[in-house]
Amino acid sequence: MMSDIRIGIVTVSDRASKGLYEDRGGPAIISWLGEAISSHWESLYQIVPDDQHLIEVALTRLIDEEHCCLVLTTGGTGPSERDVTPEATINVADQILPGLGELMRTISLKYVLTASLSRQVGASRKNSLILNLPGNPSAIAQILEGMFGAVPNCIELLGGPKISVTDKIQGDHTSPGPIH
């Protein structure tokens, strides 16, 4: 039976997509979400190379065809020439949510100065939220712990399903309130 809450996880990595490197980012996201979400949910996980078109195809398919209410990418957010995850996200987005990118960088800056080089994006497509996370599992956990309390509220405001969270989540905002 398909769950109402489907979450796409996309690892963006040339090496992992070729099997030359074990992806740790995608499994770290799935594990973290398993401890944070109390609603029944399912993950749709895939690895794609650092190719803007292929990232766009993955994001579009997960939202338009697989009906994921949340898609989390990992990797490809730095300043190198091959880091094109933000561009792919922006190309498929209906709207950019700049506060989410700013929040993710602010959280990471508490841990590493190089977070200032990150180009993470938060965006929506239809009634789904897309968040670009870094590739490092510890950075993924730090960001999700610092900002996931806003995610269920955002998804609900976009017209997606209600997501209940465990007490692990600070600032549980699962009921949409007024936006000022």
N, C-alpha and C. Protein backbone atom coordinates (compact mmCIF):
# COMPACT_ATOMS: atom_id res chain seq x y z
N MET A 1 0.83 -1.18 0.00
CA MET A 1 0.00 0.00 0.00
C MET A 1 0.88 1.25 0.00
N MET A 2 0.55 2.19 -0.86
CA MET A 2 1.33 3.43 -0.96
C MET A 2 0.94 4.36 0.18
N SER A 3 1.96 4.92 0.83
CA SER A 3 1.72 5.87 1.91
C SER A 3 1.36 7.23 1.33
N ASP A 4 0.58 8.01 2.10
CA ASP A 4 0.29 9.39 1.71
C ASP A 4 1.54 10.26 1.83
N ILE A 5 2.45 9.84 2.70
CA ILE A 5 3.67 10.60 2.91
C ILE A 5 4.81 9.86 2.23
N ARG A 6 5.21 10.41 1.10
CA ARG A 6 6.32 9.84 0.34
C ARG A 6 7.42 10.88 0.30
N ILE A 7 8.62 10.45 0.63
CA ILE A 7 9.76 11.36 0.69
C ILE A 7 10.84 10.85 -0.25
N GLY A 8 11.23 11.71 -1.18
CA GLY A 8 12.29 11.38 -2.11
C GLY A 8 13.64 11.81 -1.56
N ILE A 9 14.62 10.93 -1.72
CA ILE A 9 15.99 11.23 -1.32
C ILE A 9 16.85 11.03 -2.56
N VAL A 10 17.56 12.08 -2.95
CA VAL A 10 18.40 12.03 -4.15
C VAL A 10 19.83 12.35 -3.77
N THR A 11 20.70 11.36 -3.88
CA THR A 11 22.12 11.60 -3.69
C THR A 11 22.70 12.02 -5.03
N VAL A 12 23.41 13.14 -5.03
CA VAL A 12 24.03 13.66 -6.25
C VAL A 12 25.54 13.46 -6.13
N SER A 13 26.06 12.51 -6.90
CA SER A 13 27.49 12.19 -6.81
C SER A 13 27.92 11.39 -8.04
N ASP A 14 28.91 11.90 -8.76
CA ASP A 14 29.46 11.14 -9.89
C ASP A 14 30.00 9.80 -9.42
N ARG A 15 30.83 9.82 -8.36
CA ARG A 15 31.48 8.60 -7.90
C ARG A 15 30.49 7.58 -7.34
N ALA A 16 29.54 8.03 -6.53
CA ALA A 16 28.57 7.08 -5.96
C ALA A 16 27.67 6.50 -7.05
N SER A 17 27.33 7.30 -8.05
CA SER A 17 26.46 6.80 -9.12
C SER A 17 27.16 5.73 -9.96
N LYS A 18 28.50 5.74 -9.96
CA LYS A 18 29.28 4.74 -10.69
C LYS A 18 29.69 3.57 -9.80
N GLY A 19 29.32 3.62 -8.53
CA GLY A 19 29.69 2.56 -7.61
C GLY A 19 31.13 2.64 -7.11
N LEU A 20 31.79 3.78 -7.33
CA LEU A 20 33.18 3.95 -6.90
C LEU A 20 33.29 4.43 -5.46
N TYR A 21 32.16 4.85 -4.91
CA TYR A 21 32.14 5.46 -3.59
C TYR A 21 30.82 5.06 -2.94
N GLU A 22 30.88 4.63 -1.69
CA GLU A 22 29.65 4.27 -0.99
C GLU A 22 28.91 5.54 -0.55
N ASP A 23 27.67 5.66 -0.97
CA ASP A 23 26.87 6.81 -0.56
C ASP A 23 26.56 6.68 0.92
N ARG A 24 26.91 7.70 1.67
CA ARG A 24 26.56 7.74 3.09
C ARG A 24 25.50 8.80 3.36
N GLY A 25 25.36 9.79 2.46
CA GLY A 25 24.41 10.87 2.66
C GLY A 25 22.96 10.42 2.59
N GLY A 26 22.59 9.71 1.54
CA GLY A 26 21.22 9.24 1.39
C GLY A 26 20.77 8.36 2.55
N PRO A 27 21.55 7.32 2.90
CA PRO A 27 21.18 6.50 4.05
C PRO A 27 21.12 7.29 5.36
N ALA A 28 21.99 8.32 5.52
CA ALA A 28 21.94 9.15 6.73
C ALA A 28 20.62 9.91 6.81
N ILE A 29 20.14 10.41 5.68
CA ILE A 29 18.85 11.12 5.66
C ILE A 29 17.73 10.17 6.05
N ILE A 30 17.70 8.99 5.45
CA ILE A 30 16.63 8.02 5.73
C ILE A 30 16.63 7.63 7.21
N SER A 31 17.81 7.39 7.75
CA SER A 31 17.93 7.03 9.16
C SER A 31 17.43 8.16 10.06
N TRP A 32 17.84 9.39 9.76
CA TRP A 32 17.44 10.54 10.57
C TRP A 32 15.92 10.71 10.50
N LEU A 33 15.35 10.64 9.33
CA LEU A 33 13.90 10.80 9.20
C LEU A 33 13.15 9.70 9.94
N GLY A 34 13.72 8.49 9.96
CA GLY A 34 13.09 7.38 10.68
C GLY A 34 12.94 7.65 12.17
N GLU A 35 13.85 8.44 12.72
CA GLU A 35 13.77 8.80 14.14
C GLU A 35 12.93 10.05 14.37
N ALA A 36 12.69 10.83 13.33
CA ALA A 36 12.04 12.12 13.49
C ALA A 36 10.56 12.13 13.14
N ILE A 37 10.14 11.27 12.23
CA ILE A 37 8.76 11.29 11.75
C ILE A 37 7.98 10.16 12.40
N SER A 38 6.85 10.51 13.03
CA SER A 38 6.03 9.48 13.67
C SER A 38 4.90 9.01 12.76
N SER A 39 4.57 9.76 11.74
CA SER A 39 3.56 9.33 10.76
C SER A 39 4.13 8.17 9.94
N HIS A 40 3.21 7.38 9.36
CA HIS A 40 3.65 6.34 8.42
C HIS A 40 4.15 7.04 7.15
N TRP A 41 5.35 6.70 6.71
CA TRP A 41 5.91 7.31 5.51
C TRP A 41 6.78 6.29 4.79
N GLU A 42 7.08 6.59 3.54
CA GLU A 42 7.99 5.73 2.79
C GLU A 42 8.98 6.60 2.02
N SER A 43 10.17 6.04 1.82
CA SER A 43 11.21 6.77 1.10
C SER A 43 11.38 6.19 -0.30
N LEU A 44 11.71 7.08 -1.22
CA LEU A 44 12.09 6.70 -2.58
C LEU A 44 13.49 7.28 -2.78
N TYR A 45 14.46 6.40 -2.86
CA TYR A 45 15.87 6.79 -2.81
C TYR A 45 16.56 6.46 -4.12
N GLN A 46 17.35 7.42 -4.61
CA GLN A 46 18.13 7.15 -5.81
C GLN A 46 19.42 7.96 -5.80
N ILE A 47 20.36 7.50 -6.61
CA ILE A 47 21.65 8.17 -6.76
C ILE A 47 21.76 8.59 -8.22
N VAL A 48 22.13 9.84 -8.44
CA VAL A 48 22.33 10.35 -9.79
C VAL A 48 23.70 11.03 -9.86
N PRO A 49 24.29 11.08 -11.06
CA PRO A 49 25.57 11.80 -11.19
C PRO A 49 25.37 13.31 -11.13
N ASP A 50 26.46 14.03 -11.02
CA ASP A 50 26.44 15.49 -10.99
C ASP A 50 26.16 16.00 -12.41
N ASP A 51 24.94 15.83 -12.84
CA ASP A 51 24.51 16.25 -14.17
C ASP A 51 23.19 16.99 -14.00
N GLN A 52 23.17 18.26 -14.35
CA GLN A 52 21.99 19.08 -14.09
C GLN A 52 20.71 18.49 -14.68
N HIS A 53 20.78 18.03 -15.90
CA HIS A 53 19.58 17.47 -16.53
C HIS A 53 19.07 16.25 -15.77
N LEU A 54 19.98 15.36 -15.38
CA LEU A 54 19.56 14.14 -14.66
C LEU A 54 19.01 14.46 -13.28
N ILE A 55 19.56 15.47 -12.64
CA ILE A 55 19.02 15.90 -11.33
C ILE A 55 17.61 16.45 -11.53
N GLU A 56 17.42 17.28 -12.55
CA GLU A 56 16.09 17.84 -12.85
C GLU A 56 15.08 16.74 -13.14
N VAL A 57 15.49 15.73 -13.90
CA VAL A 57 14.61 14.60 -14.22
C VAL A 57 14.21 13.87 -12.93
N ALA A 58 15.19 13.63 -12.05
CA ALA A 58 14.90 12.93 -10.80
C ALA A 58 13.94 13.73 -9.93
N LEU A 59 14.18 15.02 -9.77
CA LEU A 59 13.30 15.86 -8.94
C LEU A 59 11.89 15.90 -9.51
N THR A 60 11.78 16.10 -10.80
CA THR A 60 10.47 16.19 -11.46
C THR A 60 9.71 14.88 -11.33
N ARG A 61 10.40 13.75 -11.56
CA ARG A 61 9.74 12.44 -11.47
C ARG A 61 9.26 12.16 -10.05
N LEU A 62 10.10 12.46 -9.06
CA LEU A 62 9.72 12.19 -7.67
C LEU A 62 8.49 13.01 -7.25
N ILE A 63 8.37 14.21 -7.75
CA ILE A 63 7.24 15.06 -7.37
C ILE A 63 6.04 14.82 -8.28
N ASP A 64 6.22 14.87 -9.58
CA ASP A 64 5.10 14.79 -10.51
C ASP A 64 4.52 13.39 -10.66
N GLU A 65 5.39 12.39 -10.67
CA GLU A 65 4.93 11.01 -10.90
C GLU A 65 4.82 10.18 -9.62
N GLU A 66 5.77 10.35 -8.71
CA GLU A 66 5.78 9.55 -7.48
C GLU A 66 5.06 10.24 -6.33
N HIS A 67 4.68 11.49 -6.52
CA HIS A 67 3.90 12.27 -5.55
C HIS A 67 4.57 12.40 -4.19
N CYS A 68 5.88 12.64 -4.20
CA CYS A 68 6.60 12.91 -2.95
C CYS A 68 6.25 14.31 -2.48
N CYS A 69 5.94 14.45 -1.20
CA CYS A 69 5.64 15.76 -0.64
C CYS A 69 6.91 16.48 -0.20
N LEU A 70 7.99 15.74 -0.07
CA LEU A 70 9.28 16.28 0.33
C LEU A 70 10.36 15.55 -0.46
N VAL A 71 11.28 16.32 -1.05
CA VAL A 71 12.43 15.74 -1.72
C VAL A 71 13.68 16.38 -1.13
N LEU A 72 14.55 15.54 -0.58
CA LEU A 72 15.80 15.99 0.01
C LEU A 72 16.94 15.53 -0.88
N THR A 73 17.74 16.48 -1.34
CA THR A 73 18.93 16.12 -2.09
C THR A 73 20.12 16.18 -1.15
N THR A 74 21.16 15.44 -1.48
CA THR A 74 22.40 15.49 -0.73
C THR A 74 23.55 15.53 -1.72
N GLY A 75 24.40 16.53 -1.56
CA GLY A 75 25.54 16.68 -2.44
C GLY A 75 25.30 17.69 -3.55
N GLY A 76 26.41 18.17 -4.11
CA GLY A 76 26.36 19.05 -5.27
C GLY A 76 25.99 20.49 -4.98
N THR A 77 26.22 20.95 -3.73
CA THR A 77 25.82 22.32 -3.38
C THR A 77 26.99 23.28 -3.21
N GLY A 78 28.19 22.81 -3.46
CA GLY A 78 29.37 23.65 -3.29
C GLY A 78 29.62 24.56 -4.49
N PRO A 79 30.78 25.20 -4.52
CA PRO A 79 31.08 26.15 -5.58
C PRO A 79 31.83 25.56 -6.78
N SER A 80 32.11 24.25 -6.79
CA SER A 80 32.87 23.70 -7.91
C SER A 80 32.01 23.63 -9.17
N GLU A 81 32.68 23.47 -10.29
CA GLU A 81 31.99 23.45 -11.59
C GLU A 81 30.97 22.31 -11.68
N ARG A 82 31.23 21.18 -11.04
CA ARG A 82 30.33 20.02 -11.11
C ARG A 82 29.16 20.13 -10.12
N ASP A 83 29.19 21.08 -9.20
CA ASP A 83 28.12 21.24 -8.21
C ASP A 83 26.96 22.02 -8.83
N VAL A 84 25.95 21.27 -9.31
CA VAL A 84 24.84 21.89 -10.04
C VAL A 84 23.47 21.58 -9.43
N THR A 85 23.46 21.03 -8.23
CA THR A 85 22.18 20.72 -7.59
C THR A 85 21.30 21.96 -7.40
N PRO A 86 21.85 23.10 -6.94
CA PRO A 86 21.00 24.28 -6.79
C PRO A 86 20.38 24.75 -8.12
N GLU A 87 21.17 24.72 -9.19
CA GLU A 87 20.65 25.13 -10.49
C GLU A 87 19.51 24.22 -10.95
N ALA A 88 19.69 22.90 -10.74
CA ALA A 88 18.64 21.95 -11.11
C ALA A 88 17.37 22.20 -10.30
N THR A 89 17.55 22.45 -9.01
CA THR A 89 16.40 22.71 -8.14
C THR A 89 15.67 23.97 -8.58
N ILE A 90 16.40 25.02 -8.84
CA ILE A 90 15.79 26.29 -9.27
C ILE A 90 15.04 26.11 -10.60
N ASN A 91 15.62 25.33 -11.51
CA ASN A 91 14.97 25.13 -12.82
C ASN A 91 13.63 24.41 -12.73
N VAL A 92 13.46 23.51 -11.76
CA VAL A 92 12.20 22.78 -11.67
C VAL A 92 11.22 23.40 -10.67
N ALA A 93 11.66 24.41 -9.94
CA ALA A 93 10.85 24.99 -8.86
C ALA A 93 9.77 25.92 -9.37
N ASP A 94 8.64 25.94 -8.65
CA ASP A 94 7.60 26.94 -8.86
C ASP A 94 7.95 28.21 -8.11
N GLN A 95 8.55 28.05 -6.94
CA GLN A 95 8.98 29.21 -6.15
C GLN A 95 10.19 28.84 -5.30
N ILE A 96 11.05 29.82 -5.11
CA ILE A 96 12.22 29.67 -4.24
C ILE A 96 11.81 30.16 -2.86
N LEU A 97 12.25 29.45 -1.83
CA LEU A 97 11.99 29.81 -0.44
C LEU A 97 13.33 30.20 0.19
N PRO A 98 13.77 31.45 -0.04
CA PRO A 98 15.12 31.85 0.35
C PRO A 98 15.42 31.68 1.84
N GLY A 99 14.43 31.84 2.69
CA GLY A 99 14.66 31.70 4.12
C GLY A 99 15.17 30.32 4.50
N LEU A 100 14.76 29.28 3.76
CA LEU A 100 15.20 27.93 4.08
C LEU A 100 16.68 27.73 3.74
N GLY A 101 17.12 28.24 2.60
CA GLY A 101 18.54 28.17 2.27
C GLY A 101 19.38 28.94 3.27
N GLU A 102 18.88 30.12 3.64
CA GLU A 102 19.59 30.94 4.63
C GLU A 102 19.66 30.22 5.97
N LEU A 103 18.57 29.59 6.38
CA LEU A 103 18.54 28.87 7.64
C LEU A 103 19.53 27.71 7.63
N MET A 104 19.56 26.94 6.54
CA MET A 104 20.49 25.81 6.48
C MET A 104 21.94 26.27 6.59
N ARG A 105 22.29 27.36 5.91
CA ARG A 105 23.66 27.88 6.01
C ARG A 105 23.95 28.42 7.41
N THR A 106 22.99 29.09 8.01
CA THR A 106 23.17 29.64 9.36
C THR A 106 23.44 28.52 10.36
N ILE A 107 22.69 27.44 10.25
CA ILE A 107 22.92 26.30 11.14
C ILE A 107 24.32 25.74 10.94
N SER A 108 24.71 25.53 9.68
CA SER A 108 26.03 24.95 9.39
C SER A 108 27.17 25.85 9.83
N LEU A 109 26.97 27.16 9.77
CA LEU A 109 28.04 28.09 10.17
C LEU A 109 28.39 27.96 11.65
N LYS A 110 27.51 27.40 12.45
CA LYS A 110 27.83 27.15 13.86
C LYS A 110 28.91 26.09 13.99
N TYR A 111 29.11 25.28 12.94
CA TYR A 111 30.02 24.15 13.00
C TYR A 111 31.27 24.33 12.14
N VAL A 112 31.10 24.90 10.92
CA VAL A 112 32.24 25.05 10.01
C VAL A 112 32.12 26.36 9.22
N LEU A 113 33.23 27.04 9.09
CA LEU A 113 33.27 28.29 8.34
C LEU A 113 32.99 28.07 6.85
N THR A 114 33.36 26.89 6.34
CA THR A 114 33.14 26.61 4.92
C THR A 114 31.67 26.51 4.54
N ALA A 115 30.77 26.52 5.53
CA ALA A 115 29.33 26.55 5.22
C ALA A 115 28.98 27.80 4.42
N SER A 116 29.81 28.81 4.53
CA SER A 116 29.57 30.05 3.77
C SER A 116 29.73 29.82 2.27
N LEU A 117 30.33 28.71 1.88
CA LEU A 117 30.49 28.38 0.46
C LEU A 117 29.32 27.58 -0.09
N SER A 118 28.43 27.14 0.76
CA SER A 118 27.30 26.33 0.34
C SER A 118 26.27 27.17 -0.41
N ARG A 119 25.66 26.54 -1.41
CA ARG A 119 24.63 27.22 -2.20
C ARG A 119 23.30 26.49 -2.06
N GLN A 120 23.02 25.95 -0.89
CA GLN A 120 21.80 25.20 -0.65
C GLN A 120 20.56 26.03 -0.96
N VAL A 121 19.56 25.35 -1.51
CA VAL A 121 18.31 26.01 -1.91
C VAL A 121 17.14 25.28 -1.25
N GLY A 122 16.15 26.05 -0.84
CA GLY A 122 14.85 25.53 -0.46
C GLY A 122 13.86 26.04 -1.49
N ALA A 123 13.02 25.16 -2.00
CA ALA A 123 12.09 25.55 -3.06
C ALA A 123 10.85 24.68 -3.00
N SER A 124 9.82 25.11 -3.72
CA SER A 124 8.62 24.28 -3.84
C SER A 124 8.33 24.02 -5.31
N ARG A 125 7.71 22.89 -5.53
CA ARG A 125 7.17 22.52 -6.83
C ARG A 125 5.83 21.88 -6.54
N LYS A 126 4.78 22.44 -7.11
CA LYS A 126 3.42 21.99 -6.83
C LYS A 126 3.20 22.03 -5.31
N ASN A 127 2.78 20.92 -4.71
CA ASN A 127 2.56 20.93 -3.26
C ASN A 127 3.68 20.21 -2.52
N SER A 128 4.89 20.28 -3.09
CA SER A 128 6.04 19.59 -2.53
C SER A 128 7.17 20.55 -2.21
N LEU A 129 7.94 20.19 -1.21
CA LEU A 129 9.09 20.96 -0.77
C LEU A 129 10.36 20.24 -1.20
N ILE A 130 11.33 21.02 -1.71
CA ILE A 130 12.65 20.49 -2.09
C ILE A 130 13.68 21.21 -1.23
N LEU A 131 14.56 20.43 -0.60
CA LEU A 131 15.65 20.99 0.18
C LEU A 131 16.97 20.38 -0.27
N ASN A 132 17.96 21.22 -0.52
CA ASN A 132 19.30 20.76 -0.87
C ASN A 132 20.14 20.68 0.39
N LEU A 133 20.56 19.48 0.74
CA LEU A 133 21.41 19.27 1.90
C LEU A 133 22.84 18.98 1.46
N PRO A 134 23.82 19.19 2.34
CA PRO A 134 25.20 18.85 1.99
C PRO A 134 25.36 17.33 1.91
N GLY A 135 26.54 16.89 1.53
CA GLY A 135 26.79 15.45 1.40
C GLY A 135 27.30 14.78 2.66
N ASN A 136 27.81 15.54 3.60
CA ASN A 136 28.39 14.99 4.82
C ASN A 136 27.30 14.57 5.80
N PRO A 137 27.29 13.29 6.23
CA PRO A 137 26.24 12.82 7.13
C PRO A 137 26.10 13.62 8.43
N SER A 138 27.21 14.05 9.03
CA SER A 138 27.08 14.82 10.27
C SER A 138 26.48 16.19 9.98
N ALA A 139 26.82 16.80 8.86
CA ALA A 139 26.23 18.09 8.48
C ALA A 139 24.74 17.93 8.17
N ILE A 140 24.37 16.82 7.56
CA ILE A 140 22.96 16.54 7.27
C ILE A 140 22.18 16.52 8.58
N ALA A 141 22.68 15.78 9.56
CA ALA A 141 21.99 15.67 10.85
C ALA A 141 21.90 17.03 11.54
N GLN A 142 22.98 17.80 11.51
CA GLN A 142 22.97 19.11 12.15
C GLN A 142 21.91 20.02 11.54
N ILE A 143 21.84 20.04 10.23
CA ILE A 143 20.86 20.90 9.55
C ILE A 143 19.45 20.42 9.82
N LEU A 144 19.20 19.13 9.66
CA LEU A 144 17.84 18.62 9.88
C LEU A 144 17.40 18.86 11.32
N GLU A 145 18.28 18.63 12.28
CA GLU A 145 17.92 18.87 13.68
C GLU A 145 17.59 20.33 13.93
N GLY A 146 18.27 21.22 13.24
CA GLY A 146 18.07 22.64 13.47
C GLY A 146 16.88 23.25 12.74
N MET A 147 16.37 22.57 11.70
CA MET A 147 15.33 23.23 10.92
C MET A 147 14.12 22.37 10.57
N PHE A 148 14.14 21.08 10.89
CA PHE A 148 13.05 20.21 10.44
C PHE A 148 11.71 20.56 11.08
N GLY A 149 11.73 21.23 12.22
CA GLY A 149 10.47 21.63 12.85
C GLY A 149 9.60 22.49 11.95
N ALA A 150 10.21 23.21 11.01
CA ALA A 150 9.46 24.05 10.07
C ALA A 150 8.98 23.28 8.84
N VAL A 151 9.54 22.13 8.58
CA VAL A 151 9.25 21.40 7.34
C VAL A 151 7.80 20.90 7.27
N PRO A 152 7.27 20.22 8.29
CA PRO A 152 5.87 19.77 8.18
C PRO A 152 4.90 20.93 7.97
N ASN A 153 5.15 22.05 8.63
CA ASN A 153 4.29 23.23 8.46
C ASN A 153 4.34 23.72 7.02
N CYS A 154 5.52 23.79 6.45
CA CYS A 154 5.67 24.24 5.07
C CYS A 154 4.93 23.31 4.11
N ILE A 155 5.10 22.01 4.29
CA ILE A 155 4.45 21.04 3.41
C ILE A 155 2.93 21.17 3.51
N GLU A 156 2.43 21.35 4.71
CA GLU A 156 0.99 21.51 4.89
C GLU A 156 0.49 22.81 4.24
N LEU A 157 1.26 23.89 4.37
CA LEU A 157 0.89 25.16 3.74
C LEU A 157 0.90 25.05 2.21
N LEU A 158 1.74 24.17 1.67
CA LEU A 158 1.78 23.94 0.23
C LEU A 158 0.64 23.04 -0.25
N GLY A 159 -0.14 22.51 0.68
CA GLY A 159 -1.24 21.62 0.32
C GLY A 159 -0.89 20.15 0.39
N GLY A 160 0.25 19.84 0.99
CA GLY A 160 0.67 18.45 1.15
C GLY A 160 0.08 17.84 2.40
N PRO A 161 0.44 16.59 2.68
CA PRO A 161 -0.12 15.87 3.83
C PRO A 161 0.41 16.39 5.16
N LYS A 162 -0.34 16.10 6.21
CA LYS A 162 0.09 16.43 7.58
C LYS A 162 1.12 15.39 8.00
N ILE A 163 2.26 15.87 8.48
CA ILE A 163 3.33 15.00 8.93
C ILE A 163 3.50 15.20 10.43
N SER A 164 3.36 14.13 11.19
CA SER A 164 3.57 14.19 12.63
C SER A 164 5.02 13.82 12.93
N VAL A 165 5.58 14.49 13.92
CA VAL A 165 6.98 14.26 14.26
C VAL A 165 7.10 13.77 15.70
N THR A 166 8.26 13.18 15.99
CA THR A 166 8.53 12.69 17.34
C THR A 166 9.02 13.85 18.20
N ASP A 167 9.24 13.56 19.48
CA ASP A 167 9.73 14.61 20.38
C ASP A 167 11.19 14.97 20.12
N LYS A 168 11.83 14.27 19.18
CA LYS A 168 13.20 14.61 18.76
C LYS A 168 13.22 15.99 18.08
N ILE A 169 12.09 16.37 17.51
CA ILE A 169 12.02 17.61 16.72
C ILE A 169 11.70 18.79 17.62
N GLN A 170 12.57 19.79 17.56
CA GLN A 170 12.36 21.03 18.29
C GLN A 170 11.41 21.91 17.50
N GLY A 171 10.52 22.59 18.19
CA GLY A 171 9.64 23.54 17.50
C GLY A 171 8.70 22.88 16.54
N ASP A 172 8.03 21.81 16.96
CA ASP A 172 7.06 21.13 16.11
C ASP A 172 5.99 22.10 15.66
N HIS A 173 5.97 22.39 14.40
CA HIS A 173 5.01 23.34 13.83
C HIS A 173 4.14 22.62 12.81
N THR A 174 3.50 21.53 13.23
CA THR A 174 2.72 20.74 12.27
C THR A 174 1.38 21.34 11.95
N SER A 175 0.92 22.33 12.71
CA SER A 175 -0.35 22.98 12.39
C SER A 175 -0.07 24.34 11.77
N PRO A 176 -0.51 24.52 10.52
CA PRO A 176 -0.23 25.81 9.91
C PRO A 176 -0.93 26.94 10.62
N GLY A 177 -0.21 27.96 10.88
CA GLY A 177 -0.77 29.18 11.47
C GLY A 177 -0.65 30.31 10.48
N PRO A 178 -1.00 31.47 10.91
CA PRO A 178 -0.92 32.61 9.99
C PRO A 178 0.53 32.94 9.67
N ILE A 179 0.74 33.36 8.44
CA ILE A 179 2.06 33.82 8.02
C ILE A 179 2.02 35.31 7.97
N HIS A 180 2.96 35.95 8.64
CA HIS A 180 2.99 37.42 8.67
C HIS A 180 4.07 37.94 7.76
